[in-house]
Amino acid sequence: MTLLFLVLALPATSEEVVLGLSKDKVAITATFDGSEILVFGAVKREAPISEEPLDVIVAIAGPTEPVVVRRKEKRFGIWVNTEALEVDEAPSFYAIATTGPLDQVLSNVEDLRHKVTIPRAIRSVGAPRSVADAQSFTDAIIRIRSDNGTYALQEGSVALDEQTLFRTSIKLPSNLTEGIYPTRIFLTRQGKVVSLFETTIDVQKVGLERWLYNLSREMPLIYGLMSLAIAIAAGWGASAAFQVLRQR
């Protein structure tokens, strides 16, 4: 088990986060079916505990990427693409865990500043005038990725003991994108951020998965020919096996 302990605080704060992660590296192999990261830590103080209740927000984001979203409509009994919009940046993975309802532990002003909620984490700058209701395209990304497990909001899943010790777990699905996953932990009081901790989780392909990925990027022709040869061999093998079974 790899532990990572770092301290990072906003200026002029008397409370800081001391964090631990069950792992700061995730290896994607051919049999990778997801993982789970335990996030735990404590609040270091230089003053007595405030009477105002403390809340904790944990946010883990995957690499951002542009996403093209297409709208489909049924015309003459056939589903066809009618409009398309490119969203400038959307995290490939995003999970938020909180001690309570997100709209109560984080104010709109702080959300705008730190871009914590899922809609704020998605960046879409302008849309063609020909596209009606551009917000619905962003909503579609959130809906689709929430359904496949790459976006998740876990309200009330962070346990906070004695306003000092906190812990939660974040599930990483099998369809992760390779890259660096920024991880942020916020301490808030009455919706205001009083301290912020930042670190990263490294997600990388290893073994055969890594070799195939590099081959497809660096030598696409060889990768394509190899894929074609494997497909032909698999087809021939299935046909031969079927012939043998028919003769019995």
Protein backbone atom coordinates (compact mmCIF):
# COMPACT_ATOMS: atom_id res chain seq x y z
CA MET A 1 0.00 0.00 0.00
CA THR A 2 1.47 3.36 -1.04
CA LEU A 3 0.77 6.34 1.19
CA LEU A 4 1.16 9.96 0.18
CA PHE A 5 1.21 12.71 2.78
CA LEU A 6 1.31 16.34 1.72
CA VAL A 7 0.06 19.64 3.10
CA LEU A 8 -1.28 22.51 1.05
CA ALA A 9 -3.45 25.30 2.43
CA LEU A 10 -4.98 28.53 1.26
CA PRO A 11 -3.24 31.65 2.56
CA ALA A 12 -4.10 32.91 6.04
CA THR A 13 -5.86 29.78 7.25
CA SER A 14 -5.58 28.08 10.63
CA GLU A 15 -6.73 24.70 9.28
CA GLU A 16 -4.80 22.48 6.91
CA VAL A 17 -5.35 19.04 5.39
CA VAL A 18 -3.03 16.12 6.05
CA LEU A 19 -4.05 13.51 3.48
CA GLY A 20 -3.45 9.84 2.77
CA LEU A 21 -4.30 7.82 -0.34
CA SER A 22 -4.45 4.03 -0.48
CA LYS A 23 -2.73 4.35 -3.87
CA ASP A 24 -1.41 7.19 -6.02
CA LYS A 25 -0.82 5.03 -9.10
CA VAL A 26 -3.37 2.93 -11.00
CA ALA A 27 -2.20 0.37 -13.56
CA ILE A 28 -4.51 -0.47 -16.49
CA THR A 29 -3.89 -4.03 -17.65
CA ALA A 30 -5.68 -6.33 -20.08
CA THR A 31 -7.80 -7.65 -17.20
CA PHE A 32 -8.42 -4.29 -15.49
CA ASP A 33 -12.05 -4.15 -14.29
CA GLY A 34 -11.91 -0.99 -12.20
CA SER A 35 -10.36 0.03 -8.92
CA GLU A 36 -11.21 1.78 -5.69
CA ILE A 37 -9.19 4.48 -3.95
CA LEU A 38 -9.49 5.11 -0.23
CA VAL A 39 -9.08 8.78 0.63
CA PHE A 40 -8.44 9.53 4.28
CA GLY A 41 -6.89 12.30 6.28
CA ALA A 42 -7.02 14.72 9.17
CA VAL A 43 -7.41 18.42 9.77
CA LYS A 44 -4.35 20.07 11.31
CA ARG A 45 -5.20 23.14 13.39
CA GLU A 46 -3.34 26.01 14.98
CA ALA A 47 -6.43 27.20 16.87
CA PRO A 48 -9.37 25.64 18.73
CA ILE A 49 -12.14 24.02 16.69
CA SER A 50 -14.64 26.59 15.46
CA GLU A 51 -18.25 26.35 16.56
CA GLU A 52 -19.31 26.45 12.91
CA PRO A 53 -19.54 22.89 11.49
CA LEU A 54 -16.82 21.77 9.09
CA ASP A 55 -17.52 20.05 5.76
CA VAL A 56 -15.24 18.13 3.41
CA ILE A 57 -15.40 17.81 -0.39
CA VAL A 58 -13.24 15.37 -2.35
CA ALA A 59 -13.05 15.84 -6.14
CA ILE A 60 -11.09 13.61 -8.54
CA ALA A 61 -10.98 14.52 -12.24
CA GLY A 62 -9.64 12.70 -15.27
CA PRO A 63 -7.79 14.30 -18.20
CA THR A 64 -9.86 16.92 -20.02
CA GLU A 65 -10.63 16.59 -23.72
CA PRO A 66 -12.87 18.18 -26.35
CA VAL A 67 -16.09 16.27 -27.00
CA VAL A 68 -18.35 16.42 -30.05
CA VAL A 69 -21.99 15.92 -29.10
CA ARG A 70 -24.59 15.16 -31.77
CA ARG A 71 -28.34 15.53 -31.51
CA LYS A 72 -30.50 12.88 -33.14
CA GLU A 73 -34.08 13.17 -34.30
CA LYS A 74 -36.47 10.65 -35.75
CA ARG A 75 -37.49 11.58 -39.29
CA PHE A 76 -39.59 9.37 -41.52
CA GLY A 77 -39.04 6.53 -39.05
CA ILE A 78 -35.21 6.82 -39.14
CA TRP A 79 -32.94 8.32 -36.48
CA VAL A 80 -30.59 10.88 -38.09
CA ASN A 81 -28.02 13.39 -36.79
CA THR A 82 -29.43 16.91 -37.00
CA GLU A 83 -27.07 19.16 -34.99
CA ALA A 84 -23.58 18.88 -33.55
CA LEU A 85 -21.69 20.92 -30.97
CA GLU A 86 -18.08 20.65 -29.82
CA VAL A 87 -17.66 21.11 -26.08
CA ASP A 88 -14.22 22.64 -25.52
CA GLU A 89 -13.20 20.72 -22.40
CA ALA A 90 -14.83 17.91 -20.45
CA PRO A 91 -13.09 15.66 -17.93
CA SER A 92 -13.01 12.03 -19.04
CA PHE A 93 -13.77 11.10 -15.42
CA TYR A 94 -15.13 13.15 -12.54
CA ALA A 95 -16.17 12.07 -9.06
CA ILE A 96 -17.25 14.21 -6.13
CA ALA A 97 -17.72 12.98 -2.56
CA THR A 98 -19.06 15.24 0.20
CA THR A 99 -20.05 15.18 3.86
CA GLY A 100 -23.53 16.51 2.99
CA PRO A 101 -25.69 17.90 0.16
CA LEU A 102 -23.34 19.67 -2.24
CA ASP A 103 -25.51 22.77 -2.54
CA GLN A 104 -25.30 23.19 1.24
CA VAL A 105 -21.57 22.58 1.76
CA LEU A 106 -20.45 24.77 -1.16
CA SER A 107 -21.80 28.17 -2.19
CA ASN A 108 -22.38 29.17 -5.81
CA VAL A 109 -19.65 31.81 -5.52
CA GLU A 110 -17.06 29.28 -4.35
CA ASP A 111 -18.22 26.82 -6.99
CA LEU A 112 -17.70 29.46 -9.67
CA ARG A 113 -14.24 30.18 -8.28
CA HIS A 114 -13.00 26.59 -7.92
CA LYS A 115 -15.21 24.82 -10.53
CA VAL A 116 -16.13 21.94 -8.24
CA THR A 117 -19.54 20.75 -9.47
CA ILE A 118 -19.77 18.64 -12.60
CA PRO A 119 -21.41 21.34 -14.80
CA ARG A 120 -18.71 23.84 -13.75
CA ALA A 121 -15.95 21.34 -14.61
CA ILE A 122 -17.15 21.23 -18.22
CA ARG A 123 -16.00 24.19 -20.34
CA SER A 124 -18.03 25.21 -23.36
CA VAL A 125 -17.23 28.63 -24.83
CA GLY A 126 -19.99 29.83 -27.09
CA ALA A 127 -22.02 27.90 -29.62
CA PRO A 128 -22.99 28.48 -33.26
CA ARG A 129 -26.16 30.49 -33.66
CA SER A 130 -27.58 27.64 -35.70
CA VAL A 131 -27.55 25.40 -32.60
CA ALA A 132 -30.61 25.81 -30.43
CA ASP A 133 -30.46 25.14 -26.69
CA ALA A 134 -26.67 24.67 -26.44
CA GLN A 135 -26.92 23.80 -22.73
CA SER A 136 -28.74 20.57 -23.61
CA PHE A 137 -25.53 19.27 -25.24
CA THR A 138 -23.60 19.74 -21.99
CA ASP A 139 -26.46 18.11 -20.10
CA ALA A 140 -26.24 15.15 -22.51
CA ILE A 141 -22.55 14.63 -21.68
CA ILE A 142 -23.33 14.62 -17.96
CA ARG A 143 -26.26 12.23 -18.40
CA ILE A 144 -24.38 9.75 -20.60
CA ARG A 145 -21.23 9.71 -18.47
CA SER A 146 -23.23 9.45 -15.26
CA ASP A 147 -24.97 6.39 -16.71
CA ASN A 148 -21.67 4.68 -17.62
CA GLY A 149 -20.05 5.45 -14.28
CA THR A 150 -17.43 7.99 -15.36
CA TYR A 151 -19.25 10.88 -13.64
CA ALA A 152 -20.43 10.42 -10.06
CA LEU A 153 -21.75 12.59 -7.23
CA GLN A 154 -21.56 10.88 -3.82
CA GLU A 155 -23.29 13.24 -1.42
CA GLY A 156 -22.92 12.30 2.24
CA SER A 157 -20.28 9.64 1.54
CA VAL A 158 -17.44 11.40 3.38
CA ALA A 159 -17.34 10.40 7.06
CA LEU A 160 -16.06 13.17 9.34
CA ASP A 161 -15.25 12.32 12.98
CA GLU A 162 -14.91 14.97 15.67
CA GLN A 163 -14.45 17.69 13.02
CA THR A 164 -10.95 16.28 12.49
CA LEU A 165 -10.69 12.84 10.84
CA PHE A 166 -12.31 12.16 7.46
CA ARG A 167 -12.46 9.22 5.07
CA THR A 168 -14.23 8.13 1.90
CA SER A 169 -13.72 5.83 -1.08
CA ILE A 170 -13.92 6.66 -4.77
CA LYS A 171 -14.66 3.94 -7.32
CA LEU A 172 -12.73 4.10 -10.59
CA PRO A 173 -14.55 2.32 -13.46
CA SER A 174 -12.92 -0.01 -15.96
CA ASN A 175 -13.19 2.49 -18.84
CA LEU A 176 -10.59 4.91 -17.50
CA THR A 177 -8.58 7.24 -19.73
CA GLU A 178 -4.83 7.16 -19.27
CA GLY A 179 -3.25 10.24 -17.73
CA ILE A 180 -2.87 12.38 -14.62
CA TYR A 181 -5.94 12.69 -12.38
CA PRO A 182 -5.93 15.94 -10.34
CA THR A 183 -7.33 15.35 -6.86
CA ARG A 184 -8.62 18.16 -4.65
CA ILE A 185 -9.86 18.16 -1.05
CA PHE A 186 -11.75 21.21 0.17
CA LEU A 187 -12.54 22.16 3.75
CA THR A 188 -15.60 24.39 3.89
CA ARG A 189 -17.63 26.23 6.51
CA GLN A 190 -21.07 27.63 5.71
CA GLY A 191 -20.34 27.06 2.03
CA LYS A 192 -17.02 28.93 2.03
CA VAL A 193 -13.69 27.23 1.26
CA VAL A 194 -11.32 27.61 4.21
CA SER A 195 -8.57 25.24 3.05
CA LEU A 196 -7.57 23.37 -0.10
CA PHE A 197 -5.33 20.35 -0.64
CA GLU A 198 -4.18 19.27 -4.10
CA THR A 199 -2.37 16.17 -5.36
CA THR A 200 -2.52 13.80 -8.35
CA ILE A 201 -3.19 10.15 -9.17
CA ASP A 202 -1.26 8.61 -12.05
CA VAL A 203 -3.29 6.26 -14.28
CA GLN A 204 -1.20 4.40 -16.87
CA LYS A 205 -1.51 1.39 -19.16
CA VAL A 206 1.05 -1.35 -18.47
CA GLY A 207 2.14 -4.62 -20.04
CA LEU A 208 0.40 -5.74 -23.25
CA GLU A 209 -2.11 -2.89 -23.03
CA ARG A 210 0.75 -0.36 -23.02
CA TRP A 211 2.53 -2.04 -25.93
CA LEU A 212 -0.59 -2.14 -28.09
CA TYR A 213 -1.43 1.47 -27.25
CA ASN A 214 2.06 2.68 -28.22
CA LEU A 215 2.01 0.56 -31.38
CA SER A 216 -1.33 2.04 -32.51
CA ARG A 217 0.01 5.59 -32.03
CA GLU A 218 3.59 5.22 -33.25
CA MET A 219 3.16 2.63 -36.06
CA PRO A 220 -0.52 2.69 -37.09
CA LEU A 221 0.14 0.80 -40.37
CA ILE A 222 1.76 -2.16 -38.62
CA TYR A 223 -0.96 -2.08 -35.96
CA GLY A 224 -3.66 -2.14 -38.65
CA LEU A 225 -2.02 -5.01 -40.55
CA MET A 226 -1.56 -6.98 -37.34
CA SER A 227 -5.21 -6.45 -36.39
CA LEU A 228 -6.29 -7.58 -39.85
CA ALA A 229 -4.10 -10.69 -39.64
CA ILE A 230 -5.51 -11.57 -36.21
CA ALA A 231 -9.07 -11.12 -37.52
CA ILE A 232 -8.38 -13.37 -40.52
CA ALA A 233 -6.73 -16.01 -38.34
CA ALA A 234 -9.63 -15.92 -35.87
CA GLY A 235 -12.15 -16.25 -38.69
CA TRP A 236 -10.26 -19.14 -40.27
CA GLY A 237 -9.93 -20.89 -36.91
CA ALA A 238 -13.65 -20.54 -36.19
CA SER A 239 -14.50 -21.85 -39.64
CA ALA A 240 -12.17 -24.85 -39.26
CA ALA A 241 -13.62 -25.67 -35.84
CA PHE A 242 -17.14 -25.49 -37.24
CA GLN A 243 -16.22 -27.87 -40.09
CA VAL A 244 -14.78 -30.37 -37.61
CA LEU A 245 -17.93 -30.22 -35.50
CA ARG A 246 -20.13 -30.79 -38.57
CA GLN A 247 -18.19 -33.91 -39.56
CA ARG A 248 -18.77 -35.53 -36.15
